[in-house]
């Protein structure tokens, strides 16, 4: 499944109203660790079509970062049926992310 760019306007529809698992990557273009994590996130999206993968650029959507208490990037949030169930901060390995999604 393709990675979906989400904004404050479509976050509710794309994340909170989705049944099943949604992983949201909070990132910024200037963030070196975010650039390291991005290909792993893309690979998970491709290999796990049952998981919806979204990205939020915190420079363009600071209100979402504030709402979800994102203090450092990259941050991954995992939602299940609209409820936040997991969170990780910093670069994670693919296996660690997959374990977080299980």
PDB file of N, CA and C in Angstrom:
ATOM      1  N   UNK A   1       0.850  -1.182   0.000  1.00  0.00           N
ATOM      2  CA  UNK A   1       0.000   0.000   0.000  1.00  0.00           C
ATOM      3  C   UNK A   1       0.894   1.243   0.000  1.00  0.00           C
ATOM      4  N   UNK A   2       0.479   2.243  -0.724  1.00  0.00           N
ATOM      5  CA  UNK A   2       1.242   3.485  -0.791  1.00  0.00           C
ATOM      6  C   UNK A   2       1.163   4.246   0.530  1.00  0.00           C
ATOM      7  N   UNK A   3       2.212   5.004   0.799  1.00  0.00           N
ATOM      8  CA  UNK A   3       2.235   5.852   1.988  1.00  0.00           C
ATOM      9  C   UNK A   3       1.371   7.079   1.712  1.00  0.00           C
ATOM     10  N   UNK A   4       0.549   7.447   2.674  1.00  0.00           N
ATOM     11  CA  UNK A   4      -0.383   8.564   2.525  1.00  0.00           C
ATOM     12  C   UNK A   4       0.116   9.750   3.329  1.00  0.00           C
ATOM     13  N   UNK A   5       0.192  10.900   2.691  1.00  0.00           N
ATOM     14  CA  UNK A   5       0.560  12.126   3.392  1.00  0.00           C
ATOM     15  C   UNK A   5      -0.700  12.682   4.041  1.00  0.00           C
ATOM     16  N   UNK A   6      -0.647  12.873   5.358  1.00  0.00           N
ATOM     17  CA  UNK A   6      -1.831  13.366   6.054  1.00  0.00           C
ATOM     18  C   UNK A   6      -1.609  14.761   6.620  1.00  0.00           C
ATOM     19  N   UNK A   7      -2.707  15.479   6.724  1.00  0.00           N
ATOM     20  CA  UNK A   7      -2.715  16.845   7.228  1.00  0.00           C
ATOM     21  C   UNK A   7      -3.762  16.936   8.336  1.00  0.00           C
ATOM     22  N   UNK A   8      -3.848  18.089   8.956  1.00  0.00           N
ATOM     23  CA  UNK A   8      -4.886  18.295   9.972  1.00  0.00           C
ATOM     24  C   UNK A   8      -6.274  18.112   9.355  1.00  0.00           C
ATOM     25  N   UNK A   9      -6.409  18.442   8.068  1.00  0.00           N
ATOM     26  CA  UNK A   9      -7.707  18.336   7.397  1.00  0.00           C
ATOM     27  C   UNK A   9      -8.164  16.898   7.184  1.00  0.00           C
ATOM     28  N   UNK A  10      -7.224  15.979   6.921  1.00  0.00           N
ATOM     29  CA  UNK A  10      -7.649  14.610   6.623  1.00  0.00           C
ATOM     30  C   UNK A  10      -7.189  13.580   7.658  1.00  0.00           C
ATOM     31  N   UNK A  11      -6.575  14.017   8.762  1.00  0.00           N
ATOM     32  CA  UNK A  11      -6.075  13.086   9.782  1.00  0.00           C
ATOM     33  C   UNK A  11      -7.212  12.231  10.362  1.00  0.00           C
ATOM     34  N   UNK A  12      -8.300  12.859  10.691  1.00  0.00           N
ATOM     35  CA  UNK A  12      -9.419  12.109  11.274  1.00  0.00           C
ATOM     36  C   UNK A  12      -9.898  11.018  10.323  1.00  0.00           C
ATOM     37  N   UNK A  13     -10.096  11.375   9.053  1.00  0.00           N
ATOM     38  CA  UNK A  13     -10.597  10.414   8.069  1.00  0.00           C
ATOM     39  C   UNK A  13      -9.583   9.297   7.805  1.00  0.00           C
ATOM     40  N   UNK A  14      -8.312   9.663   7.613  1.00  0.00           N
ATOM     41  CA  UNK A  14      -7.292   8.692   7.226  1.00  0.00           C
ATOM     42  C   UNK A  14      -6.780   7.841   8.385  1.00  0.00           C
ATOM     43  N   UNK A  15      -6.820   8.378   9.604  1.00  0.00           N
ATOM     44  CA  UNK A  15      -6.242   7.676  10.754  1.00  0.00           C
ATOM     45  C   UNK A  15      -7.312   7.261  11.764  1.00  0.00           C
ATOM     46  N   UNK A  16      -8.029   8.216  12.278  1.00  0.00           N
ATOM     47  CA  UNK A  16      -8.943   7.946  13.394  1.00  0.00           C
ATOM     48  C   UNK A  16     -10.180   7.155  12.990  1.00  0.00           C
ATOM     49  N   UNK A  17     -10.605   7.286  11.744  1.00  0.00           N
ATOM     50  CA  UNK A  17     -11.807   6.571  11.299  1.00  0.00           C
ATOM     51  C   UNK A  17     -11.483   5.298  10.524  1.00  0.00           C
ATOM     52  N   UNK A  18     -10.229   4.895  10.527  1.00  0.00           N
ATOM     53  CA  UNK A  18      -9.826   3.688   9.818  1.00  0.00           C
ATOM     54  C   UNK A  18      -9.886   2.495  10.748  1.00  0.00           C
ATOM     55  N   UNK A  19     -10.538   1.436  10.292  1.00  0.00           N
ATOM     56  CA  UNK A  19     -10.556   0.191  11.054  1.00  0.00           C
ATOM     57  C   UNK A  19      -9.250  -0.540  10.788  1.00  0.00           C
ATOM     58  N   UNK A  20      -8.723  -1.162  11.822  1.00  0.00           N
ATOM     59  CA  UNK A  20      -7.463  -1.874  11.673  1.00  0.00           C
ATOM     60  C   UNK A  20      -6.301  -1.010  12.151  1.00  0.00           C
ATOM     61  N   UNK A  21      -5.109  -1.363  11.678  1.00  0.00           N
ATOM     62  CA  UNK A  21      -3.887  -0.728  12.154  1.00  0.00           C
ATOM     63  C   UNK A  21      -3.429   0.368  11.201  1.00  0.00           C
ATOM     64  N   UNK A  22      -3.091   1.511  11.789  1.00  0.00           N
ATOM     65  CA  UNK A  22      -2.532   2.637  11.047  1.00  0.00           C
ATOM     66  C   UNK A  22      -1.247   3.070  11.754  1.00  0.00           C
ATOM     67  N   UNK A  23      -0.164   3.187  10.985  1.00  0.00           N
ATOM     68  CA  UNK A  23       1.087   3.706  11.534  1.00  0.00           C
ATOM     69  C   UNK A  23       1.304   5.100  10.959  1.00  0.00           C
ATOM     70  N   UNK A  24       1.608   6.054  11.840  1.00  0.00           N
ATOM     71  CA  UNK A  24       1.821   7.434  11.420  1.00  0.00           C
ATOM     72  C   UNK A  24       3.257   7.832  11.756  1.00  0.00           C
ATOM     73  N   UNK A  25       3.976   8.280  10.728  1.00  0.00           N
ATOM     74  CA  UNK A  25       5.366   8.718  10.861  1.00  0.00           C
ATOM     75  C   UNK A  25       5.381  10.243  10.905  1.00  0.00           C
ATOM     76  N   UNK A  26       5.765  10.815  12.048  1.00  0.00           N
ATOM     77  CA  UNK A  26       5.940  12.267  12.172  1.00  0.00           C
ATOM     78  C   UNK A  26       7.394  12.578  11.833  1.00  0.00           C
ATOM     79  N   UNK A  27       7.607  13.459  10.852  1.00  0.00           N
ATOM     80  CA  UNK A  27       8.942  13.712  10.324  1.00  0.00           C
ATOM     81  C   UNK A  27       9.086  15.170   9.892  1.00  0.00           C
ATOM     82  N   UNK A  28      10.310  15.524   9.473  1.00  0.00           N
ATOM     83  CA  UNK A  28      10.574  16.838   8.875  1.00  0.00           C
ATOM     84  C   UNK A  28      11.698  16.676   7.859  1.00  0.00           C
ATOM     85  N   UNK A  29      11.688  17.530   6.836  1.00  0.00           N
ATOM     86  CA  UNK A  29      12.668  17.439   5.751  1.00  0.00           C
ATOM     87  C   UNK A  29      14.097  17.666   6.239  1.00  0.00           C
ATOM     88  N   UNK A  30      14.284  18.468   7.269  1.00  0.00           N
ATOM     89  CA  UNK A  30      15.615  18.806   7.767  1.00  0.00           C
ATOM     90  C   UNK A  30      16.173  17.781   8.749  1.00  0.00           C
ATOM     91  N   UNK A  31      15.391  16.772   9.081  1.00  0.00           N
ATOM     92  CA  UNK A  31      15.738  15.796  10.126  1.00  0.00           C
ATOM     93  C   UNK A  31      16.516  14.614   9.542  1.00  0.00           C
ATOM     94  N   UNK A  32      17.799  14.528   9.897  1.00  0.00           N
ATOM     95  CA  UNK A  32      18.644  13.437   9.411  1.00  0.00           C
ATOM     96  C   UNK A  32      18.130  12.054   9.791  1.00  0.00           C
ATOM     97  N   UNK A  33      17.807  11.813  11.068  1.00  0.00           N
ATOM     98  CA  UNK A  33      17.277  10.500  11.449  1.00  0.00           C
ATOM     99  C   UNK A  33      15.967  10.158  10.723  1.00  0.00           C
ATOM    100  N   UNK A  34      15.154  11.182  10.417  1.00  0.00           N
ATOM    101  CA  UNK A  34      13.912  10.939   9.669  1.00  0.00           C
ATOM    102  C   UNK A  34      14.230  10.379   8.284  1.00  0.00           C
ATOM    103  N   UNK A  35      15.280  10.909   7.664  1.00  0.00           N
ATOM    104  CA  UNK A  35      15.686  10.429   6.337  1.00  0.00           C
ATOM    105  C   UNK A  35      16.179   8.987   6.412  1.00  0.00           C
ATOM    106  N   UNK A  36      16.770   8.611   7.534  1.00  0.00           N
ATOM    107  CA  UNK A  36      17.218   7.232   7.718  1.00  0.00           C
ATOM    108  C   UNK A  36      16.032   6.295   7.915  1.00  0.00           C
ATOM    109  N   UNK A  37      15.006   6.756   8.600  1.00  0.00           N
ATOM    110  CA  UNK A  37      13.842   5.926   8.896  1.00  0.00           C
ATOM    111  C   UNK A  37      12.893   5.798   7.709  1.00  0.00           C
ATOM    112  N   UNK A  38      12.837   6.815   6.875  1.00  0.00           N
ATOM    113  CA  UNK A  38      11.860   6.867   5.788  1.00  0.00           C
ATOM    114  C   UNK A  38      11.858   5.624   4.886  1.00  0.00           C
ATOM    115  N   UNK A  39      13.024   5.119   4.413  1.00  0.00           N
ATOM    116  CA  UNK A  39      12.973   3.926   3.557  1.00  0.00           C
ATOM    117  C   UNK A  39      12.438   2.690   4.279  1.00  0.00           C
ATOM    118  N   UNK A  40      12.664   2.614   5.582  1.00  0.00           N
ATOM    119  CA  UNK A  40      12.137   1.485   6.361  1.00  0.00           C
ATOM    120  C   UNK A  40      10.608   1.581   6.435  1.00  0.00           C
ATOM    121  N   UNK A  41      10.109   2.777   6.678  1.00  0.00           N
ATOM    122  CA  UNK A  41       8.660   3.003   6.720  1.00  0.00           C
ATOM    123  C   UNK A  41       8.042   2.658   5.364  1.00  0.00           C
ATOM    124  N   UNK A  42       8.693   3.096   4.281  1.00  0.00           N
ATOM    125  CA  UNK A  42       8.190   2.805   2.936  1.00  0.00           C
ATOM    126  C   UNK A  42       8.175   1.300   2.671  1.00  0.00           C
ATOM    127  N   UNK A  43       9.210   0.611   3.131  1.00  0.00           N
ATOM    128  CA  UNK A  43       9.294  -0.833   2.935  1.00  0.00           C
ATOM    129  C   UNK A  43       8.188  -1.550   3.702  1.00  0.00           C
ATOM    130  N   UNK A  44       7.919  -1.119   4.900  1.00  0.00           N
ATOM    131  CA  UNK A  44       6.831  -1.721   5.693  1.00  0.00           C
ATOM    132  C   UNK A  44       5.490  -1.507   4.997  1.00  0.00           C
ATOM    133  N   UNK A  45       5.282  -0.312   4.446  1.00  0.00           N
ATOM    134  CA  UNK A  45       4.036  -0.028   3.722  1.00  0.00           C
ATOM    135  C   UNK A  45       3.876  -0.975   2.537  1.00  0.00           C
ATOM    136  N   UNK A  46       4.978  -1.238   1.849  1.00  0.00           N
ATOM    137  CA  UNK A  46       4.935  -2.100   0.671  1.00  0.00           C
ATOM    138  C   UNK A  46       4.723  -3.566   1.047  1.00  0.00           C
ATOM    139  N   UNK A  47       5.377  -4.003   2.111  1.00  0.00           N
ATOM    140  CA  UNK A  47       5.336  -5.418   2.487  1.00  0.00           C
ATOM    141  C   UNK A  47       4.129  -5.799   3.341  1.00  0.00           C
ATOM    142  N   UNK A  48       3.457  -4.807   3.905  1.00  0.00           N
ATOM    143  CA  UNK A  48       2.318  -5.078   4.796  1.00  0.00           C
ATOM    144  C   UNK A  48       1.088  -4.286   4.337  1.00  0.00           C
ATOM    145  N   UNK A  49       0.439  -4.749   3.267  1.00  0.00           N
ATOM    146  CA  UNK A  49      -0.719  -4.005   2.741  1.00  0.00           C
ATOM    147  C   UNK A  49      -1.885  -3.936   3.719  1.00  0.00           C
ATOM    148  N   UNK A  50      -1.876  -4.785   4.741  1.00  0.00           N
ATOM    149  CA  UNK A  50      -2.957  -4.761   5.743  1.00  0.00           C
ATOM    150  C   UNK A  50      -2.801  -3.591   6.714  1.00  0.00           C
ATOM    151  N   UNK A  51      -1.637  -2.931   6.680  1.00  0.00           N
ATOM    152  CA  UNK A  51      -1.377  -1.790   7.563  1.00  0.00           C
ATOM    153  C   UNK A  51      -1.392  -0.511   6.723  1.00  0.00           C
ATOM    154  N   UNK A  52      -2.154   0.460   7.173  1.00  0.00           N
ATOM    155  CA  UNK A  52      -2.181   1.767   6.515  1.00  0.00           C
ATOM    156  C   UNK A  52      -1.024   2.590   7.081  1.00  0.00           C
ATOM    157  N   UNK A  53      -0.193   3.133   6.202  1.00  0.00           N
ATOM    158  CA  UNK A  53       0.967   3.902   6.631  1.00  0.00           C
ATOM    159  C   UNK A  53       0.799   5.348   6.171  1.00  0.00           C
ATOM    160  N   UNK A  54       0.911   6.260   7.124  1.00  0.00           N
ATOM    161  CA  UNK A  54       0.738   7.686   6.853  1.00  0.00           C
ATOM    162  C   UNK A  54       1.963   8.450   7.343  1.00  0.00           C
ATOM    163  N   UNK A  55       2.189   9.606   6.740  1.00  0.00           N
ATOM    164  CA  UNK A  55       3.280  10.480   7.171  1.00  0.00           C
ATOM    165  C   UNK A  55       2.743  11.879   7.418  1.00  0.00           C
ATOM    166  N   UNK A  56       3.278  12.517   8.468  1.00  0.00           N
ATOM    167  CA  UNK A  56       2.921  13.888   8.815  1.00  0.00           C
ATOM    168  C   UNK A  56       4.201  14.710   8.855  1.00  0.00           C
ATOM    169  N   UNK A  57       4.280  15.728   8.008  1.00  0.00           N
ATOM    170  CA  UNK A  57       5.402  16.660   8.038  1.00  0.00           C
ATOM    171  C   UNK A  57       5.098  17.685   9.135  1.00  0.00           C
ATOM    172  N   UNK A  58       5.886  17.669  10.212  1.00  0.00           N
ATOM    173  CA  UNK A  58       5.567  18.525  11.356  1.00  0.00           C
ATOM    174  C   UNK A  58       5.757  20.011  11.065  1.00  0.00           C
ATOM    175  N   UNK A  59       6.574  20.336  10.065  1.00  0.00           N
ATOM    176  CA  UNK A  59       6.727  21.747   9.705  1.00  0.00           C
ATOM    177  C   UNK A  59       5.468  22.281   9.032  1.00  0.00           C
ATOM    178  N   UNK A  60       4.769  21.411   8.308  1.00  0.00           N
ATOM    179  CA  UNK A  60       3.542  21.813   7.622  1.00  0.00           C
ATOM    180  C   UNK A  60       2.311  21.629   8.510  1.00  0.00           C
ATOM    181  N   UNK A  61       2.410  20.731   9.484  1.00  0.00           N
ATOM    182  CA  UNK A  61       1.266  20.401  10.344  1.00  0.00           C
ATOM    183  C   UNK A  61       1.667  20.416  11.823  1.00  0.00           C
ATOM    184  N   UNK A  62       2.129  21.560  12.335  1.00  0.00           N
ATOM    185  CA  UNK A  62       2.568  21.584  13.742  1.00  0.00           C
ATOM    186  C   UNK A  62       1.446  21.279  14.735  1.00  0.00           C
ATOM    187  N   UNK A  63       0.205  21.574  14.380  1.00  0.00           N
ATOM    188  CA  UNK A  63      -0.903  21.317  15.309  1.00  0.00           C
ATOM    189  C   UNK A  63      -1.069  19.829  15.585  1.00  0.00           C
ATOM    190  N   UNK A  64      -0.825  18.983  14.585  1.00  0.00           N
ATOM    191  CA  UNK A  64      -0.928  17.540  14.815  1.00  0.00           C
ATOM    192  C   UNK A  64       0.176  17.058  15.753  1.00  0.00           C
ATOM    193  N   UNK A  65       1.372  17.606  15.584  1.00  0.00           N
ATOM    194  CA  UNK A  65       2.477  17.236  16.472  1.00  0.00           C
ATOM    195  C   UNK A  65       2.146  17.633  17.912  1.00  0.00           C
ATOM    196  N   UNK A  66       1.566  18.788  18.087  1.00  0.00           N
ATOM    197  CA  UNK A  66       1.184  19.253  19.423  1.00  0.00           C
ATOM    198  C   UNK A  66       0.064  18.378  19.990  1.00  0.00           C
ATOM    199  N   UNK A  67      -0.960  18.125  19.176  1.00  0.00           N
ATOM    200  CA  UNK A  67      -2.102  17.321  19.628  1.00  0.00           C
ATOM    201  C   UNK A  67      -1.676  15.932  20.112  1.00  0.00           C
ATOM    202  N   UNK A  68      -0.679  15.341  19.426  1.00  0.00           N
ATOM    203  CA  UNK A  68      -0.250  13.983  19.764  1.00  0.00           C
ATOM    204  C   UNK A  68       1.046  13.954  20.562  1.00  0.00           C
ATOM    205  N   UNK A  69       1.410  15.123  21.122  1.00  0.00           N
ATOM    206  CA  UNK A  69       2.543  15.242  22.041  1.00  0.00           C
ATOM    207  C   UNK A  69       3.842  14.706  21.450  1.00  0.00           C
ATOM    208  N   UNK A  70       4.054  15.018  20.165  1.00  0.00           N
ATOM    209  CA  UNK A  70       5.294  14.633  19.500  1.00  0.00           C
ATOM    210  C   UNK A  70       6.346  15.676  19.858  1.00  0.00           C
ATOM    211  N   UNK A  71       7.322  15.273  20.674  1.00  0.00           N
ATOM    212  CA  UNK A  71       8.339  16.190  21.172  1.00  0.00           C
ATOM    213  C   UNK A  71       9.660  16.043  20.419  1.00  0.00           C
ATOM    214  N   UNK A  72       9.844  14.925  19.755  1.00  0.00           N
ATOM    215  CA  UNK A  72      11.088  14.625  19.057  1.00  0.00           C
ATOM    216  C   UNK A  72      10.730  13.835  17.807  1.00  0.00           C
ATOM    217  N   UNK A  73      11.544  13.988  16.772  1.00  0.00           N
ATOM    218  CA  UNK A  73      11.292  13.244  15.536  1.00  0.00           C
ATOM    219  C   UNK A  73      12.544  12.483  15.129  1.00  0.00           C
ATOM    220  N   UNK A  74      12.380  11.384  14.427  1.00  0.00           N
ATOM    221  CA  UNK A  74      11.113  10.805  14.004  1.00  0.00           C
ATOM    222  C   UNK A  74      10.357  10.152  15.167  1.00  0.00           C
ATOM    223  N   UNK A  75       9.046  10.253  15.084  1.00  0.00           N
ATOM    224  CA  UNK A  75       8.162   9.565  16.021  1.00  0.00           C
ATOM    225  C   UNK A  75       7.163   8.751  15.214  1.00  0.00           C
ATOM    226  N   UNK A  76       6.992   7.507  15.594  1.00  0.00           N
ATOM    227  CA  UNK A  76       5.976   6.648  14.990  1.00  0.00           C
ATOM    228  C   UNK A  76       4.866   6.433  16.000  1.00  0.00           C
ATOM    229  N   UNK A  77       3.645   6.679  15.568  1.00  0.00           N
ATOM    230  CA  UNK A  77       2.473   6.374  16.388  1.00  0.00           C
ATOM    231  C   UNK A  77       1.702   5.255  15.706  1.00  0.00           C
ATOM    232  N   UNK A  78       1.202   4.328  16.492  1.00  0.00           N
ATOM    233  CA  UNK A  78       0.394   3.233  15.955  1.00  0.00           C
ATOM    234  C   UNK A  78      -1.011   3.363  16.524  1.00  0.00           C
ATOM    235  N   UNK A  79      -1.987   3.354  15.620  1.00  0.00           N
ATOM    236  CA  UNK A  79      -3.397   3.428  15.994  1.00  0.00           C
ATOM    237  C   UNK A  79      -4.060   2.115  15.598  1.00  0.00           C
ATOM    238  N   UNK A  80      -4.967   1.671  16.442  1.00  0.00           N
ATOM    239  CA  UNK A  80      -5.780   0.496  16.116  1.00  0.00           C
ATOM    240  C   UNK A  80      -7.227   0.899  16.299  1.00  0.00           C
ATOM    241  N   UNK A  81      -7.977   0.837  15.213  1.00  0.00           N
ATOM    242  CA  UNK A  81      -9.387   1.238  15.214  1.00  0.00           C
ATOM    243  C   UNK A  81      -9.568   2.641  15.804  1.00  0.00           C
ATOM    244  N   UNK A  82      -8.647   3.542  15.455  1.00  0.00           N
ATOM    245  CA  UNK A  82      -8.768   4.938  15.857  1.00  0.00           C
ATOM    246  C   UNK A  82      -8.169   5.299  17.196  1.00  0.00           C
ATOM    247  N   UNK A  83      -7.689   4.306  17.951  1.00  0.00           N
ATOM    248  CA  UNK A  83      -7.100   4.558  19.264  1.00  0.00           C
ATOM    249  C   UNK A  83      -5.586   4.396  19.202  1.00  0.00           C
ATOM    250  N   UNK A  84      -4.853   5.343  19.805  1.00  0.00           N
ATOM    251  CA  UNK A  84      -3.397   5.217  19.847  1.00  0.00           C
ATOM    252  C   UNK A  84      -3.032   4.076  20.777  1.00  0.00           C
ATOM    253  N   UNK A  85      -2.250   3.111  20.254  1.00  0.00           N
ATOM    254  CA  UNK A  85      -1.899   1.935  21.044  1.00  0.00           C
ATOM    255  C   UNK A  85      -0.396   1.783  21.249  1.00  0.00           C
ATOM    256  N   UNK A  86       0.416   2.500  20.466  1.00  0.00           N
ATOM    257  CA  UNK A  86       1.857   2.354  20.608  1.00  0.00           C
ATOM    258  C   UNK A  86       2.555   3.582  20.063  1.00  0.00           C
ATOM    259  N   UNK A  87       3.823   3.759  20.502  1.00  0.00           N
ATOM    260  CA  UNK A  87       4.595   4.926  20.083  1.00  0.00           C
ATOM    261  C   UNK A  87       6.072   4.581  20.173  1.00  0.00           C
ATOM    262  N   UNK A  88       6.853   5.069  19.210  1.00  0.00           N
ATOM    263  CA  UNK A  88       8.305   4.945  19.316  1.00  0.00           C
ATOM    264  C   UNK A  88       8.932   6.250  18.856  1.00  0.00           C
ATOM    265  N   UNK A  89      10.056   6.582  19.469  1.00  0.00           N
ATOM    266  CA  UNK A  89      10.770   7.810  19.146  1.00  0.00           C
ATOM    267  C   UNK A  89      12.167   7.438  18.678  1.00  0.00           C
ATOM    268  N   UNK A  90      12.597   8.067  17.588  1.00  0.00           N
ATOM    269  CA  UNK A  90      13.932   7.808  17.058  1.00  0.00           C
ATOM    270  C   UNK A  90      13.911   6.738  15.985  1.00  0.00           C
ATOM    271  N   UNK A  91      15.073   6.499  15.419  1.00  0.00           N
ATOM    272  CA  UNK A  91      15.203   5.503  14.357  1.00  0.00           C
ATOM    273  C   UNK A  91      15.081   4.112  14.974  1.00  0.00           C
ATOM    274  N   UNK A  92      14.236   3.304  14.364  1.00  0.00           N
ATOM    275  CA  UNK A  92      14.011   1.930  14.818  1.00  0.00           C
ATOM    276  C   UNK A  92      14.363   0.978  13.679  1.00  0.00           C
ATOM    277  N   UNK A  93      14.698  -0.244  14.028  1.00  0.00           N
ATOM    278  CA  UNK A  93      14.934  -1.253  12.996  1.00  0.00           C
ATOM    279  C   UNK A  93      13.591  -1.712  12.431  1.00  0.00           C
ATOM    280  N   UNK A  94      13.650  -2.285  11.253  1.00  0.00           N
ATOM    281  CA  UNK A  94      12.428  -2.795  10.635  1.00  0.00           C
ATOM    282  C   UNK A  94      11.771  -3.843  11.536  1.00  0.00           C
ATOM    283  N   UNK A  95      12.570  -4.736  12.109  1.00  0.00           N
ATOM    284  CA  UNK A  95      11.998  -5.788  12.962  1.00  0.00           C
ATOM    285  C   UNK A  95      11.356  -5.202  14.222  1.00  0.00           C
ATOM    286  N   UNK A  96      11.959  -4.150  14.778  1.00  0.00           N
ATOM    287  CA  UNK A  96      11.363  -3.508  15.959  1.00  0.00           C
ATOM    288  C   UNK A  96      10.027  -2.852  15.612  1.00  0.00           C
ATOM    289  N   UNK A  97       9.956  -2.228  14.443  1.00  0.00           N
ATOM    290  CA  UNK A  97       8.707  -1.590  14.015  1.00  0.00           C
ATOM    291  C   UNK A  97       7.644  -2.653  13.763  1.00  0.00           C
ATOM    292  N   UNK A  98       8.031  -3.728  13.090  1.00  0.00           N
ATOM    293  CA  UNK A  98       7.067  -4.803  12.831  1.00  0.00           C
ATOM    294  C   UNK A  98       6.554  -5.407  14.132  1.00  0.00           C
ATOM    295  N   UNK A  99       7.419  -5.544  15.136  1.00  0.00           N
ATOM    296  CA  UNK A  99       6.988  -6.070  16.439  1.00  0.00           C
ATOM    297  C   UNK A  99       6.004  -5.113  17.102  1.00  0.00           C
ATOM    298  N   UNK A 100       6.238  -3.821  16.921  1.00  0.00           N
ATOM    299  CA  UNK A 100       5.355  -2.807  17.497  1.00  0.00           C
ATOM    300  C   UNK A 100       3.970  -2.856  16.837  1.00  0.00           C
ATOM    301  N   UNK A 101       3.921  -3.286  15.585  1.00  0.00           N
ATOM    302  CA  UNK A 101       2.671  -3.333  14.830  1.00  0.00           C
ATOM    303  C   UNK A 101       1.884  -4.618  15.065  1.00  0.00           C
ATOM    304  N   UNK A 102       2.532  -5.611  15.644  1.00  0.00           N
ATOM    305  CA  UNK A 102       1.886  -6.929  15.801  1.00  0.00           C
ATOM    306  C   UNK A 102       0.816  -6.896  16.878  1.00  0.00           C
TER     307      UNK A 102
END
